[in-house]
Amino acid sequence: MESAFQRIYERYHQDIFQFLYYMVKNREQAEDLVQEVYIRVLKSYEKFEGRSSEKTWLFSIARHVAIDWFRKQKTLRQRIIEKFDWERQQFEDETPLPEEIALQNEDVQLMYRSLDTCTVDQRAVIILRYLQELSISETAEALGWTESKVKTTQHRALKQLQKEMNDSRVEKEGFSHEKV
């Protein structure tokens, strides 16, 4: 098992980290979640039957870890929100983007920020399809969905991203949607 685990770690660590980073938008949190993925891998590797590729199996675990984290955050936010001082702080994490993102052109940065307007499922599909370059069938396998659901979610996510990016450009350029 140790050599299999080492091989998995060396081969997929960066992909898993990147997936989780784009999901939670926080480097330290993504690192913690990667550790949780590996804990789950260690606990369940013997049960892995090889019906899917290791990569899609790992992304499936990573997605579940991210969803669990989002659920915990939602519960925590519900408890904190009543006591939050809106005048002195902002609720969202203002962690700077990684160096790689900061160096990207404006459209890539805009698309990265626009991912926040997508649902968790839409974000997962965009990350797996376009950043991890998985096929539709591999994405479906990783998410435990049908290919049809992946295609529909991808279509809706791209539509949402396009709308958000257009709205941001219009806002930046000082135009309005209203007809004169």
C-alpha atoms as a PDB file:
ATOM      1  CA  MET A   1       0.000   0.000   0.000  1.00  0.00           C
ATOM      2  CA  GLU A   2       2.795   2.417   0.852  1.00  0.00           C
ATOM      3  CA  SER A   3       4.300   2.307  -2.628  1.00  0.00           C
ATOM      4  CA  ALA A   4       0.836   2.674  -4.201  1.00  0.00           C
ATOM      5  CA  PHE A   5       0.133   5.648  -1.945  1.00  0.00           C
ATOM      6  CA  GLN A   6       3.495   7.228  -2.805  1.00  0.00           C
ATOM      7  CA  ARG A   7       2.810   6.752  -6.514  1.00  0.00           C
ATOM      8  CA  ILE A   8      -0.659   8.317  -6.179  1.00  0.00           C
ATOM      9  CA  TYR A   9       0.759  11.215  -4.203  1.00  0.00           C
ATOM     10  CA  GLU A  10       3.546  11.925  -6.681  1.00  0.00           C
ATOM     11  CA  ARG A  11       1.314  11.583  -9.705  1.00  0.00           C
ATOM     12  CA  TYR A  12      -1.819  13.459  -8.595  1.00  0.00           C
ATOM     13  CA  HIS A  13      -0.909  15.724  -5.684  1.00  0.00           C
ATOM     14  CA  GLN A  14      -0.680  18.932  -7.733  1.00  0.00           C
ATOM     15  CA  ASP A  15      -3.953  18.204  -9.574  1.00  0.00           C
ATOM     16  CA  ILE A  16      -5.811  17.521  -6.336  1.00  0.00           C
ATOM     17  CA  PHE A  17      -4.378  20.625  -4.677  1.00  0.00           C
ATOM     18  CA  GLN A  18      -5.259  22.801  -7.664  1.00  0.00           C
ATOM     19  CA  PHE A  19      -8.811  21.423  -7.780  1.00  0.00           C
ATOM     20  CA  LEU A  20      -9.362  22.095  -4.076  1.00  0.00           C
ATOM     21  CA  TYR A  21      -7.715  25.514  -4.270  1.00  0.00           C
ATOM     22  CA  TYR A  22     -10.051  26.642  -7.020  1.00  0.00           C
ATOM     23  CA  MET A  23     -12.984  25.245  -5.060  1.00  0.00           C
ATOM     24  CA  VAL A  24     -12.246  26.964  -1.718  1.00  0.00           C
ATOM     25  CA  LYS A  25     -10.100  29.910  -2.921  1.00  0.00           C
ATOM     26  CA  ASN A  26      -7.728  29.689   0.044  1.00  0.00           C
ATOM     27  CA  ARG A  27      -4.263  28.131  -0.106  1.00  0.00           C
ATOM     28  CA  GLU A  28      -4.038  27.034   3.536  1.00  0.00           C
ATOM     29  CA  GLN A  29      -7.538  25.579   3.505  1.00  0.00           C
ATOM     30  CA  ALA A  30      -6.828  23.736   0.265  1.00  0.00           C
ATOM     31  CA  GLU A  31      -3.681  22.243   1.820  1.00  0.00           C
ATOM     32  CA  ASP A  32      -5.723  21.065   4.822  1.00  0.00           C
ATOM     33  CA  LEU A  33      -8.359  19.567   2.540  1.00  0.00           C
ATOM     34  CA  VAL A  34      -5.699  17.766   0.487  1.00  0.00           C
ATOM     35  CA  GLN A  35      -4.568  16.121   3.708  1.00  0.00           C
ATOM     36  CA  GLU A  36      -8.160  15.032   4.350  1.00  0.00           C
ATOM     37  CA  VAL A  37      -8.283  13.534   0.847  1.00  0.00           C
ATOM     38  CA  TYR A  38      -5.162  11.484   1.586  1.00  0.00           C
ATOM     39  CA  ILE A  39      -6.583  10.314   4.910  1.00  0.00           C
ATOM     40  CA  ARG A  40      -9.667   9.079   3.073  1.00  0.00           C
ATOM     41  CA  VAL A  41      -7.506   7.461   0.393  1.00  0.00           C
ATOM     42  CA  LEU A  42      -5.521   5.590   3.035  1.00  0.00           C
ATOM     43  CA  LYS A  43      -8.715   4.426   4.740  1.00  0.00           C
ATOM     44  CA  SER A  44     -10.406   3.239   1.565  1.00  0.00           C
ATOM     45  CA  TYR A  45      -7.674   2.193  -0.882  1.00  0.00           C
ATOM     46  CA  GLU A  46      -8.281  -1.518  -0.277  1.00  0.00           C
ATOM     47  CA  LYS A  47     -11.904  -0.982  -1.317  1.00  0.00           C
ATOM     48  CA  PHE A  48     -10.903   0.694  -4.600  1.00  0.00           C
ATOM     49  CA  GLU A  49     -11.981  -1.811  -7.231  1.00  0.00           C
ATOM     50  CA  GLY A  50     -10.496  -0.147 -10.274  1.00  0.00           C
ATOM     51  CA  ARG A  51     -13.853   0.372 -12.015  1.00  0.00           C
ATOM     52  CA  SER A  52     -12.773   3.944 -12.593  1.00  0.00           C
ATOM     53  CA  SER A  53      -9.319   5.417 -13.041  1.00  0.00           C
ATOM     54  CA  GLU A  54      -7.391   6.397  -9.931  1.00  0.00           C
ATOM     55  CA  LYS A  55      -7.525  10.003 -11.071  1.00  0.00           C
ATOM     56  CA  THR A  56     -11.321  10.161 -11.294  1.00  0.00           C
ATOM     57  CA  TRP A  57     -11.577   8.257  -7.992  1.00  0.00           C
ATOM     58  CA  LEU A  58      -9.317  10.852  -6.335  1.00  0.00           C
ATOM     59  CA  PHE A  59     -11.301  13.759  -7.786  1.00  0.00           C
ATOM     60  CA  SER A  60     -14.477  12.155  -6.499  1.00  0.00           C
ATOM     61  CA  ILE A  61     -12.980  11.990  -3.008  1.00  0.00           C
ATOM     62  CA  ALA A  62     -11.700  15.574  -3.306  1.00  0.00           C
ATOM     63  CA  ARG A  63     -15.128  16.790  -4.385  1.00  0.00           C
ATOM     64  CA  HIS A  64     -16.758  15.122  -1.384  1.00  0.00           C
ATOM     65  CA  VAL A  65     -14.152  16.622   0.938  1.00  0.00           C
ATOM     66  CA  ALA A  66     -14.860  20.092  -0.532  1.00  0.00           C
ATOM     67  CA  ILE A  67     -18.621  19.650  -0.189  1.00  0.00           C
ATOM     68  CA  ASP A  68     -18.216  18.555   3.433  1.00  0.00           C
ATOM     69  CA  TRP A  69     -16.106  21.651   4.066  1.00  0.00           C
ATOM     70  CA  PHE A  70     -18.700  23.931   2.423  1.00  0.00           C
ATOM     71  CA  ARG A  71     -21.434  22.390   4.587  1.00  0.00           C
ATOM     72  CA  LYS A  72     -19.396  23.022   7.733  1.00  0.00           C
ATOM     73  CA  GLN A  73     -18.732  26.597   6.631  1.00  0.00           C
ATOM     74  CA  LYS A  74     -22.415  27.218   5.996  1.00  0.00           C
ATOM     75  CA  THR A  75     -23.295  25.959   9.488  1.00  0.00           C
ATOM     76  CA  LEU A  76     -20.500  28.035  11.015  1.00  0.00           C
ATOM     77  CA  ARG A  77     -21.572  31.141   9.093  1.00  0.00           C
ATOM     78  CA  GLN A  78     -25.141  30.756  10.289  1.00  0.00           C
ATOM     79  CA  ARG A  79     -23.907  30.850  13.904  1.00  0.00           C
ATOM     80  CA  ILE A  80     -21.448  33.716  13.377  1.00  0.00           C
ATOM     81  CA  ILE A  81     -23.539  35.971  11.150  1.00  0.00           C
ATOM     82  CA  GLU A  82     -25.660  37.320  14.009  1.00  0.00           C
ATOM     83  CA  LYS A  83     -22.570  38.544  15.871  1.00  0.00           C
ATOM     84  CA  PHE A  84     -20.551  39.744  12.875  1.00  0.00           C
ATOM     85  CA  ASP A  85     -19.523  43.408  12.864  1.00  0.00           C
ATOM     86  CA  TRP A  86     -20.284  44.505   9.333  1.00  0.00           C
ATOM     87  CA  GLU A  87     -18.870  47.997   9.877  1.00  0.00           C
ATOM     88  CA  ARG A  88     -15.325  46.892  10.726  1.00  0.00           C
ATOM     89  CA  GLN A  89     -14.794  43.713   8.697  1.00  0.00           C
ATOM     90  CA  GLN A  90     -15.816  41.907   5.571  1.00  0.00           C
ATOM     91  CA  PHE A  91     -17.276  38.451   5.729  1.00  0.00           C
ATOM     92  CA  GLU A  92     -15.372  36.953   2.807  1.00  0.00           C
ATOM     93  CA  ASP A  93     -11.747  35.855   2.875  1.00  0.00           C
ATOM     94  CA  GLU A  94      -9.600  38.446   1.120  1.00  0.00           C
ATOM     95  CA  THR A  95      -6.652  36.086   0.609  1.00  0.00           C
ATOM     96  CA  PRO A  96      -4.564  37.300  -2.320  1.00  0.00           C
ATOM     97  CA  LEU A  97      -4.563  35.246  -5.481  1.00  0.00           C
ATOM     98  CA  PRO A  98      -1.558  32.995  -6.014  1.00  0.00           C
ATOM     99  CA  GLU A  99       1.332  34.398  -7.986  1.00  0.00           C
ATOM    100  CA  GLU A 100       0.338  32.403 -11.044  1.00  0.00           C
ATOM    101  CA  ILE A 101      -3.122  33.976 -11.154  1.00  0.00           C
ATOM    102  CA  ALA A 102      -1.789  37.486 -10.531  1.00  0.00           C
ATOM    103  CA  LEU A 103       0.425  37.160 -13.590  1.00  0.00           C
ATOM    104  CA  GLN A 104      -2.413  36.043 -15.844  1.00  0.00           C
ATOM    105  CA  ASN A 105      -4.068  38.444 -18.206  1.00  0.00           C
ATOM    106  CA  GLU A 106      -7.140  40.387 -17.181  1.00  0.00           C
ATOM    107  CA  ASP A 107      -9.667  38.014 -18.790  1.00  0.00           C
ATOM    108  CA  VAL A 108      -8.280  34.993 -16.941  1.00  0.00           C
ATOM    109  CA  GLN A 109      -8.392  36.917 -13.660  1.00  0.00           C
ATOM    110  CA  LEU A 110     -11.955  37.988 -14.424  1.00  0.00           C
ATOM    111  CA  MET A 111     -12.969  34.412 -15.171  1.00  0.00           C
ATOM    112  CA  TYR A 112     -11.309  33.232 -11.949  1.00  0.00           C
ATOM    113  CA  ARG A 113     -13.262  35.804  -9.905  1.00  0.00           C
ATOM    114  CA  SER A 114     -16.449  34.986 -11.820  1.00  0.00           C
ATOM    115  CA  LEU A 115     -16.264  31.350 -10.645  1.00  0.00           C
ATOM    116  CA  ASP A 116     -17.601  32.640  -7.314  1.00  0.00           C
ATOM    117  CA  THR A 117     -20.981  33.262  -8.950  1.00  0.00           C
ATOM    118  CA  CYS A 118     -21.274  29.606  -9.984  1.00  0.00           C
ATOM    119  CA  THR A 119     -22.754  26.908  -7.797  1.00  0.00           C
ATOM    120  CA  VAL A 120     -20.396  24.390  -6.191  1.00  0.00           C
ATOM    121  CA  ASP A 121     -21.390  21.795  -8.803  1.00  0.00           C
ATOM    122  CA  GLN A 122     -20.846  24.233 -11.680  1.00  0.00           C
ATOM    123  CA  ARG A 123     -17.465  25.248 -10.282  1.00  0.00           C
ATOM    124  CA  ALA A 124     -16.430  21.581  -9.941  1.00  0.00           C
ATOM    125  CA  VAL A 125     -17.364  20.861 -13.559  1.00  0.00           C
ATOM    126  CA  ILE A 126     -15.488  23.909 -14.895  1.00  0.00           C
ATOM    127  CA  ILE A 127     -12.377  23.043 -12.878  1.00  0.00           C
ATOM    128  CA  LEU A 128     -12.398  19.379 -13.873  1.00  0.00           C
ATOM    129  CA  ARG A 129     -13.197  19.994 -17.541  1.00  0.00           C
ATOM    130  CA  TYR A 130     -11.058  23.042 -18.303  1.00  0.00           C
ATOM    131  CA  LEU A 131      -8.321  23.228 -15.678  1.00  0.00           C
ATOM    132  CA  GLN A 132      -7.796  19.502 -15.122  1.00  0.00           C
ATOM    133  CA  GLU A 133      -8.709  18.737 -18.751  1.00  0.00           C
ATOM    134  CA  LEU A 134     -10.864  15.699 -17.962  1.00  0.00           C
ATOM    135  CA  SER A 135     -13.210  14.430 -20.653  1.00  0.00           C
ATOM    136  CA  ILE A 136     -16.965  14.550 -20.133  1.00  0.00           C
ATOM    137  CA  SER A 137     -17.009  10.836 -19.284  1.00  0.00           C
ATOM    138  CA  GLU A 138     -14.083  11.213 -16.833  1.00  0.00           C
ATOM    139  CA  THR A 139     -15.806  14.195 -15.213  1.00  0.00           C
ATOM    140  CA  ALA A 140     -19.030  12.219 -14.909  1.00  0.00           C
ATOM    141  CA  GLU A 141     -17.095   9.365 -13.326  1.00  0.00           C
ATOM    142  CA  ALA A 142     -15.313  11.685 -10.860  1.00  0.00           C
ATOM    143  CA  LEU A 143     -18.563  13.345  -9.821  1.00  0.00           C
ATOM    144  CA  GLY A 144     -20.693  10.207  -9.849  1.00  0.00           C
ATOM    145  CA  TRP A 145     -23.027  11.770 -12.407  1.00  0.00           C
ATOM    146  CA  THR A 146     -24.351  10.910 -15.839  1.00  0.00           C
ATOM    147  CA  GLU A 147     -22.629  12.443 -18.846  1.00  0.00           C
ATOM    148  CA  SER A 148     -25.861  14.279 -19.560  1.00  0.00           C
ATOM    149  CA  LYS A 149     -25.780  15.967 -16.139  1.00  0.00           C
ATOM    150  CA  VAL A 150     -22.156  16.998 -16.694  1.00  0.00           C
ATOM    151  CA  LYS A 151     -23.034  18.522 -20.086  1.00  0.00           C
ATOM    152  CA  THR A 152     -26.041  20.376 -18.664  1.00  0.00           C
ATOM    153  CA  THR A 153     -24.103  21.664 -15.660  1.00  0.00           C
ATOM    154  CA  GLN A 154     -21.190  22.694 -17.891  1.00  0.00           C
ATOM    155  CA  HIS A 155     -23.559  24.562 -20.225  1.00  0.00           C
ATOM    156  CA  ARG A 156     -25.183  26.419 -17.310  1.00  0.00           C
ATOM    157  CA  ALA A 157     -21.796  27.191 -15.738  1.00  0.00           C
ATOM    158  CA  LEU A 158     -20.398  28.603 -18.979  1.00  0.00           C
ATOM    159  CA  LYS A 159     -23.543  30.677 -19.443  1.00  0.00           C
ATOM    160  CA  GLN A 160     -23.206  32.015 -15.871  1.00  0.00           C
ATOM    161  CA  LEU A 161     -19.505  32.783 -16.355  1.00  0.00           C
ATOM    162  CA  GLN A 162     -20.180  34.587 -19.628  1.00  0.00           C
ATOM    163  CA  LYS A 163     -22.944  36.672 -18.049  1.00  0.00           C
ATOM    164  CA  GLU A 164     -20.817  37.574 -15.027  1.00  0.00           C
ATOM    165  CA  MET A 165     -17.806  38.447 -17.168  1.00  0.00           C
ATOM    166  CA  ASN A 166     -19.911  40.610 -19.484  1.00  0.00           C
ATOM    167  CA  ASP A 167     -21.528  42.361 -16.521  1.00  0.00           C
ATOM    168  CA  SER A 168     -18.096  43.009 -14.978  1.00  0.00           C
ATOM    169  CA  ARG A 169     -16.732  44.420 -18.232  1.00  0.00           C
ATOM    170  CA  VAL A 170     -19.734  46.693 -18.635  1.00  0.00           C
ATOM    171  CA  GLU A 171     -19.394  47.889 -15.049  1.00  0.00           C
ATOM    172  CA  LYS A 172     -15.652  48.501 -15.458  1.00  0.00           C
ATOM    173  CA  GLU A 173     -16.110  50.455 -18.669  1.00  0.00           C
ATOM    174  CA  GLY A 174     -18.862  52.576 -17.139  1.00  0.00           C
ATOM    175  CA  PHE A 175     -21.650  51.506 -19.461  1.00  0.00           C
ATOM    176  CA  SER A 176     -25.089  50.459 -18.311  1.00  0.00           C
ATOM    177  CA  HIS A 177     -27.481  47.851 -19.617  1.00  0.00           C
ATOM    178  CA  GLU A 178     -30.245  50.414 -19.932  1.00  0.00           C
ATOM    179  CA  LYS A 179     -31.236  51.631 -23.378  1.00  0.00           C
ATOM    180  CA  VAL A 180     -30.900  55.344 -23.959  1.00  0.00           C
END
